[in-house]
Protein backbone atom coordinates (compact mmCIF):
# COMPACT_ATOMS: atom_id res chain seq x y z
CA MET A 1 16.72 113.29 59.67
CA ALA A 2 16.01 116.53 57.93
CA ASN A 3 18.97 118.32 56.43
CA LYS A 4 20.25 121.12 58.65
CA LYS A 5 23.12 123.52 58.54
CA ILE A 6 25.90 122.80 61.04
CA SER A 7 25.05 126.08 62.76
CA GLN A 8 21.49 124.79 63.31
CA LEU A 9 22.56 121.60 65.12
CA SER A 10 22.11 121.52 68.87
CA ALA A 11 24.35 119.71 71.32
CA VAL A 12 23.14 116.44 72.86
CA GLY A 13 25.00 115.02 75.82
CA GLU A 14 28.66 116.01 76.33
CA ALA A 15 29.63 118.96 74.14
CA GLY A 16 32.60 118.56 71.79
CA VAL A 17 34.18 115.65 69.95
CA THR A 18 34.42 112.38 71.88
CA LYS A 19 35.15 108.79 70.93
CA ASP A 20 31.38 108.20 70.65
CA CYS A 21 30.86 110.86 68.00
CA LEU A 22 30.03 109.81 64.40
CA PHE A 23 31.27 111.50 61.24
CA PRO A 24 29.76 111.22 57.73
CA VAL A 25 32.30 109.94 55.23
CA ALA A 26 31.97 109.89 51.44
CA SER A 27 33.39 106.46 50.62
CA GLY A 28 34.39 105.42 47.11
CA GLU A 29 37.10 105.43 44.46
CA ALA A 30 38.66 108.64 43.25
CA GLY A 31 36.13 110.44 41.00
CA GLY A 32 33.05 108.65 42.44
CA PRO A 33 30.47 107.41 42.77
CA TYR A 34 30.49 107.81 46.55
CA THR A 35 28.41 106.31 49.29
CA THR A 36 27.77 108.12 52.56
CA LEU A 37 28.94 105.99 55.50
CA LYS A 38 29.29 106.67 59.20
CA SER A 39 32.75 106.71 60.86
CA THR A 40 33.67 107.02 64.55
CA ALA A 41 36.01 109.65 65.89
CA LEU A 42 38.59 106.94 66.70
CA GLN A 43 38.48 105.62 63.13
CA VAL A 44 39.05 109.10 61.77
CA ALA A 45 41.94 109.70 64.17
CA GLU A 46 43.53 106.34 63.35
CA TYR A 47 43.42 107.05 59.64
CA ILE A 48 44.88 110.54 60.01
CA LEU A 49 47.63 109.67 62.51
CA ASN A 50 48.68 106.17 61.35
CA PRO A 51 50.98 107.04 59.87
CA ILE A 52 51.40 110.79 60.19
CA PRO A 53 52.25 112.08 56.69
CA ALA A 54 55.89 113.14 56.43
CA VAL A 55 55.26 115.91 53.90
CA ASP A 56 52.35 118.01 52.71
CA SER A 57 51.06 118.30 49.14
CA ALA A 58 53.96 120.59 48.31
CA SER A 59 56.45 117.97 49.61
CA SER A 60 57.36 120.23 52.52
CA PRO A 61 57.94 118.63 55.97
CA LEU A 62 54.89 118.69 58.20
CA PRO A 63 56.07 120.19 61.51
CA ILE A 64 54.51 119.79 64.92
CA SER A 65 54.61 123.43 65.88
CA GLY A 66 52.88 126.01 67.94
CA THR A 67 53.20 127.50 71.37
CA ASN A 68 51.36 124.75 73.26
CA THR A 69 53.20 121.92 75.02
CA VAL A 70 53.47 118.77 72.92
CA TYR A 71 53.21 115.38 74.67
CA LEU A 72 54.13 112.02 73.21
CA ASN A 73 52.31 109.63 75.54
CA ASN A 74 52.45 105.86 75.39
CA SER A 75 51.62 103.48 78.22
CA SER A 76 53.98 100.78 76.87
CA TYR A 77 57.18 102.78 76.45
CA THR A 78 60.38 100.69 76.86
CA ASP A 79 63.32 102.14 78.75
CA SER A 80 66.51 102.34 76.70
CA SER A 81 69.68 100.73 78.06
CA ALA A 82 73.21 100.06 76.92
CA GLY A 83 72.07 97.05 74.88
CA ALA A 84 68.48 97.78 73.87
CA PRO A 85 67.59 99.07 71.40
CA ALA A 86 70.84 97.93 69.79
CA THR A 87 71.33 101.08 67.71
CA HIS A 88 70.07 104.67 67.90
CA GLY A 89 68.33 104.00 71.20
CA TYR A 90 67.71 107.61 72.19
CA LEU A 91 65.37 110.29 70.86
CA MET A 92 66.68 113.84 70.72
CA VAL A 93 65.33 117.21 69.66
CA ARG A 94 67.42 119.64 67.66
CA LYS A 95 67.09 122.94 69.46
CA SER A 96 67.34 125.13 66.35
CA ASP A 97 64.21 123.86 64.58
CA GLY A 98 62.65 121.12 66.74
CA LEU A 99 63.72 118.25 64.47
CA LEU A 100 63.34 114.86 66.19
CA THR A 101 66.34 112.58 65.62
CA THR A 102 67.58 109.25 66.89
CA GLY A 103 70.93 109.63 68.57
CA SER A 104 73.54 107.85 70.55
CA GLY A 105 73.15 108.80 74.14
CA ILE A 106 76.27 107.76 76.08
CA ALA A 107 76.47 103.97 75.95
CA SER A 108 76.17 103.55 72.15
CA PRO A 109 78.07 106.50 70.65
CA VAL A 110 77.97 107.36 66.97
CA GLY A 111 80.66 109.37 65.25
CA GLY A 112 80.32 113.11 65.39
CA ASP A 113 77.93 113.53 68.33
CA ASP A 114 78.60 116.74 70.24
CA LEU A 115 76.96 116.06 73.57
CA GLY A 116 78.24 119.29 75.07
CA ASP A 117 78.81 119.76 78.81
CA HIS A 118 76.92 117.36 81.05
CA ASN A 119 76.37 117.60 84.80
CA ALA A 120 75.68 114.28 86.49
CA ILE A 121 73.31 114.20 89.45
CA THR A 122 74.16 110.61 90.39
CA ARG A 123 76.93 108.11 89.75
CA LEU A 124 77.90 107.06 86.22
CA ASN A 125 78.05 103.28 85.86
CA MET A 126 80.15 102.33 82.82
CA GLN A 127 79.25 98.64 83.24
CA SER A 128 82.87 97.51 82.69
CA ASN A 129 83.24 99.62 79.54
CA ASN A 130 86.33 101.76 78.96
CA ILE A 131 86.55 105.55 78.98
CA GLU A 132 88.73 106.58 76.06
CA ASN A 133 90.24 109.73 74.56
CA ILE A 134 90.16 111.74 77.80
CA GLY A 135 91.74 115.19 77.63
CA ASN A 136 95.02 116.13 79.29
CA ASN A 137 93.51 116.64 82.77
CA MET A 138 90.95 115.05 85.07
CA MET A 139 89.82 117.53 87.73
CA PHE A 140 88.32 116.46 91.07
CA SER A 141 85.80 118.36 93.15
CA GLY A 142 87.88 117.80 96.28
CA GLY A 143 90.88 119.46 94.69
CA GLY A 144 93.83 117.99 92.81
CA ASN A 145 93.97 116.50 89.36
CA ILE A 146 95.49 113.81 87.18
CA GLY A 147 97.39 115.19 84.20
CA ILE A 148 99.06 113.49 81.28
CA THR A 149 101.61 114.40 78.62
CA PRO A 150 103.05 112.17 75.89
CA THR A 151 105.71 110.97 78.38
CA THR A 152 104.44 111.67 81.90
CA LEU A 153 101.43 110.88 84.09
CA SER A 154 101.15 113.41 86.92
CA ILE A 155 98.99 113.18 90.04
CA TYR A 156 98.67 116.41 92.02
CA LYS A 157 97.27 116.56 95.52
CA PRO A 158 98.76 117.75 98.83
CA ASN A 159 98.52 114.17 100.14
CA ILE A 160 98.46 111.04 97.98
CA ALA A 161 97.87 107.60 99.50
CA LEU A 162 98.66 104.32 97.76
CA GLU A 163 97.07 101.54 99.80
CA ALA A 164 96.83 97.86 99.00
CA THR A 165 96.03 94.70 100.96
CA SER A 166 98.87 92.79 99.30
CA GLU A 167 101.44 94.73 97.29
CA ILE A 168 101.98 97.79 95.09
CA LYS A 169 104.19 97.26 92.06
CA LEU A 170 106.25 100.04 90.48
CA ASN A 171 107.76 98.80 87.23
CA GLY A 172 110.13 101.00 85.26
CA THR A 173 113.73 101.90 84.71
CA GLY A 174 113.73 103.85 87.97
CA VAL A 175 111.67 105.60 90.64
CA GLN A 176 112.62 109.23 91.20
CA VAL A 177 111.77 110.64 94.62
CA ASN A 178 112.24 114.38 95.21
CA CYS A 179 110.93 114.52 98.77
CA PRO A 180 111.69 113.04 102.21
CA LEU A 181 110.37 109.55 102.93
CA ALA A 182 108.67 109.11 106.30
CA GLY A 183 108.08 105.87 108.15
CA GLU A 184 109.63 102.49 107.45
CA ILE A 185 110.78 101.29 104.04
CA GLU A 186 111.01 97.53 103.65
CA VAL A 187 112.60 95.95 100.59
CA THR A 188 111.87 92.27 99.99
CA GLY A 189 112.53 89.99 97.07
CA GLY A 190 115.28 92.17 95.63
CA ASP A 191 118.10 94.61 96.27
CA LEU A 192 118.01 98.26 97.25
CA ILE A 193 120.38 99.81 94.72
CA VAL A 194 121.55 103.41 95.04
CA ASP A 195 123.21 105.35 92.22
CA PRO A 196 126.97 104.80 92.74
CA THR A 197 127.52 108.53 92.35
CA LYS A 198 125.12 109.32 95.24
CA LYS A 199 125.12 108.77 99.01
CA ILE A 200 122.88 107.40 101.70
CA ILE A 201 122.89 110.02 104.46
CA THR A 202 121.45 109.05 107.82
CA ASP A 203 122.17 109.40 111.54
CA GLU A 204 122.25 105.70 112.26
CA ILE A 205 122.42 102.43 110.33
CA GLU A 206 121.70 99.08 111.97
CA VAL A 207 122.86 95.98 110.13
CA GLN A 208 121.31 92.85 111.61
CA SER A 209 123.34 90.40 109.55
CA VAL A 210 126.45 91.39 107.57
CA SER A 211 127.82 94.31 105.63
CA TYR A 212 130.72 94.27 103.24
CA HIS A 213 132.59 96.34 100.69
CA THR A 214 133.61 95.21 97.25
CA PRO A 215 137.44 95.31 97.15
CA HIS A 216 138.94 97.51 94.46
CA ASN A 217 141.91 96.21 92.45
CA ASN A 218 144.46 98.95 91.70
CA SER A 219 146.60 96.47 89.67
CA SER A 220 150.14 97.84 90.02
CA SER A 221 149.12 101.46 90.50
CA TYR A 222 150.22 103.42 93.55
CA ALA A 223 147.51 106.10 93.09
CA ILE A 224 144.90 105.22 95.72
CA ASN A 225 141.51 106.87 95.32
CA TRP A 226 139.55 106.42 98.55
CA ALA A 227 136.28 106.92 96.65
CA ASN A 228 136.76 103.58 94.84
CA SER A 229 136.20 101.44 97.94
CA ASN A 230 137.02 101.12 101.65
CA ILE A 231 138.97 97.95 100.81
CA GLN A 232 141.64 98.06 98.09
CA TYR A 233 144.77 96.20 97.03
CA THR A 234 147.76 96.59 94.72
CA GLN A 235 151.14 94.97 94.09
CA ILE A 236 154.79 95.80 93.51
CA PRO A 237 156.00 94.29 90.21
CA ALA A 238 158.62 91.54 90.30
CA GLY A 239 161.03 93.71 88.29
CA ASN A 240 160.94 96.60 90.74
CA THR A 241 164.43 98.05 91.39
CA SER A 242 163.50 100.92 93.73
CA THR A 243 163.46 100.72 97.49
CA GLY A 244 161.24 103.74 97.86
CA LEU A 245 157.65 103.73 96.61
CA ALA A 246 155.56 106.93 96.35
CA PHE A 247 151.85 106.27 97.05
CA THR A 248 149.34 109.09 96.58
CA PHE A 249 145.97 109.37 98.35
CA SER A 250 142.96 111.25 97.00
CA ASN A 251 139.30 111.83 97.88
CA SER A 252 139.47 110.71 101.49
CA THR A 253 136.42 111.64 103.61
CA GLU A 254 136.13 112.49 107.31
CA GLY A 255 135.39 109.35 109.31
CA GLN A 256 136.25 107.01 106.43
CA THR A 257 138.44 103.95 106.90
CA LEU A 258 140.63 102.30 104.28
CA THR A 259 142.12 98.82 104.38
CA LEU A 260 144.88 98.39 101.81
CA TYR A 261 147.16 95.46 101.20
CA VAL A 262 150.35 95.72 99.11
CA LYS A 263 151.96 92.57 97.74
CA ASN A 264 155.68 92.65 96.87
CA LEU A 265 156.38 90.33 93.94
CA SER A 266 160.09 91.13 93.89
CA SER A 267 162.49 88.47 95.12
CA SER A 268 165.39 90.92 95.56
CA ARG A 269 164.03 94.30 96.62
CA CYS A 270 162.37 95.34 99.84
CA ALA A 271 160.29 98.49 99.49
CA THR A 272 159.38 101.31 101.87
CA PRO A 273 156.23 103.16 100.80
CA THR A 274 155.68 106.85 101.36
CA PHE A 275 152.11 108.22 101.23
CA TYR A 276 151.62 111.66 99.67
CA GLY A 277 148.73 113.90 98.75
CA GLN A 278 147.21 113.58 102.21
CA GLY A 279 149.85 112.98 104.88
CA VAL A 280 149.68 109.91 107.09
CA GLU A 281 150.66 109.81 110.78
CA TRP A 282 152.37 106.63 112.00
CA GLY A 283 152.66 105.57 115.63
CA GLY A 284 155.80 105.04 117.66
CA ASP A 285 155.75 101.30 116.95
CA PHE A 286 156.70 102.21 113.38
CA SER A 287 159.16 104.95 114.31
CA GLY A 288 156.89 107.51 112.68
CA ILE A 289 157.23 106.05 109.17
CA ALA A 290 155.44 103.40 107.15
CA PRO A 291 156.95 99.93 107.65
CA TYR A 292 158.82 98.43 104.73
CA ILE A 293 157.56 95.48 102.72
CA SER A 294 159.91 92.49 102.64
CA THR A 295 160.60 90.54 99.46
CA ARG A 296 157.87 88.12 98.50
CA LYS A 297 155.73 89.36 101.39
CA THR A 298 152.47 91.24 101.79
CA THR A 299 151.74 94.11 104.20
CA LEU A 300 148.20 94.99 105.32
CA TYR A 301 147.64 98.72 106.01
CA ASN A 302 144.72 100.24 107.92
CA PHE A 303 143.93 103.94 107.69
CA VAL A 304 141.28 106.15 109.27
CA LYS A 305 140.68 109.87 108.72
CA ILE A 306 139.74 111.82 111.83
CA ASN A 307 139.67 115.62 112.11
CA SER A 308 141.59 116.04 108.83
CA VAL A 309 144.35 113.65 109.97
CA ILE A 310 144.90 110.20 108.45
CA PHE A 311 146.18 107.72 111.02
CA GLY A 312 147.95 104.60 109.76
CA SER A 313 148.83 101.19 111.16
CA ALA A 314 150.11 98.00 109.54
CA VAL A 315 150.54 94.25 109.91
CA THR A 316 153.55 92.95 108.02
CA GLY A 317 154.96 89.67 106.82
CA TYR A 318 152.00 87.88 105.25
CA ASP A 319 152.89 85.04 102.86
CA LEU A 320 150.35 85.29 100.03
CA PHE A 321 152.20 83.41 97.27
């Protein structure tokens, strides 16, 4: 073929560079001699792009730049997952200068990644992995949130339902409820214990088995505090020399009853008690006064407070020695 300038060549077949085009290549060692050989377009492309040089002759990075869209196409791409590739399984682009980097994605985090705010368009499957280092609040689209402090976990929502097919366990030193409880409350496998300084206030209580009070021992004291128990007892010492005993009542409540027995340990002195602090009314069977307690005998007193009046009755003469 006669030598021609490139401008003198005419197109044959499809215009432009295709895989069937041939290129002349001067082949040889650096400095020559060279031999002119033919090379296909694919051979030239493979040499130039495999691998792409990282830097130019001035050791500056070779960027892929320009205003056209850049595509990285490969028919055998492999989808990344939580386990494959094992490390750095995601390719990311730094927005400031277009630098391509391998990063963490979500399932294989590396220290220091700032993934920014993410909006999910479908569910997030953690595949049994934990979510750690959450902030102080989790907000829900339906309203409400879960908040946490160093000592308290708070759940806020107008209505909160705890539902289970078997049981719900609350383990702690106590459960504090600052609202009314609606519906039935069933306690099984343990006791329902109320703070002794507090009350159970209700319109009606039904006991299907038994109820009882723990008796309070006043030793030899005559100061009877109704708040200690509805059942109490005390005794008159054996060395008692007085026939009159001054009992004092305190903290009685409307509608409360008190059963009190008094044991007289003296073998020589009968005793007639008088109840002060809150006066007691005695019926005609007792001539309007409390019955006396014989020597070495026990008297059982029953009191009830109705409309600010304490009514008393007694059964005398028990032998409890």
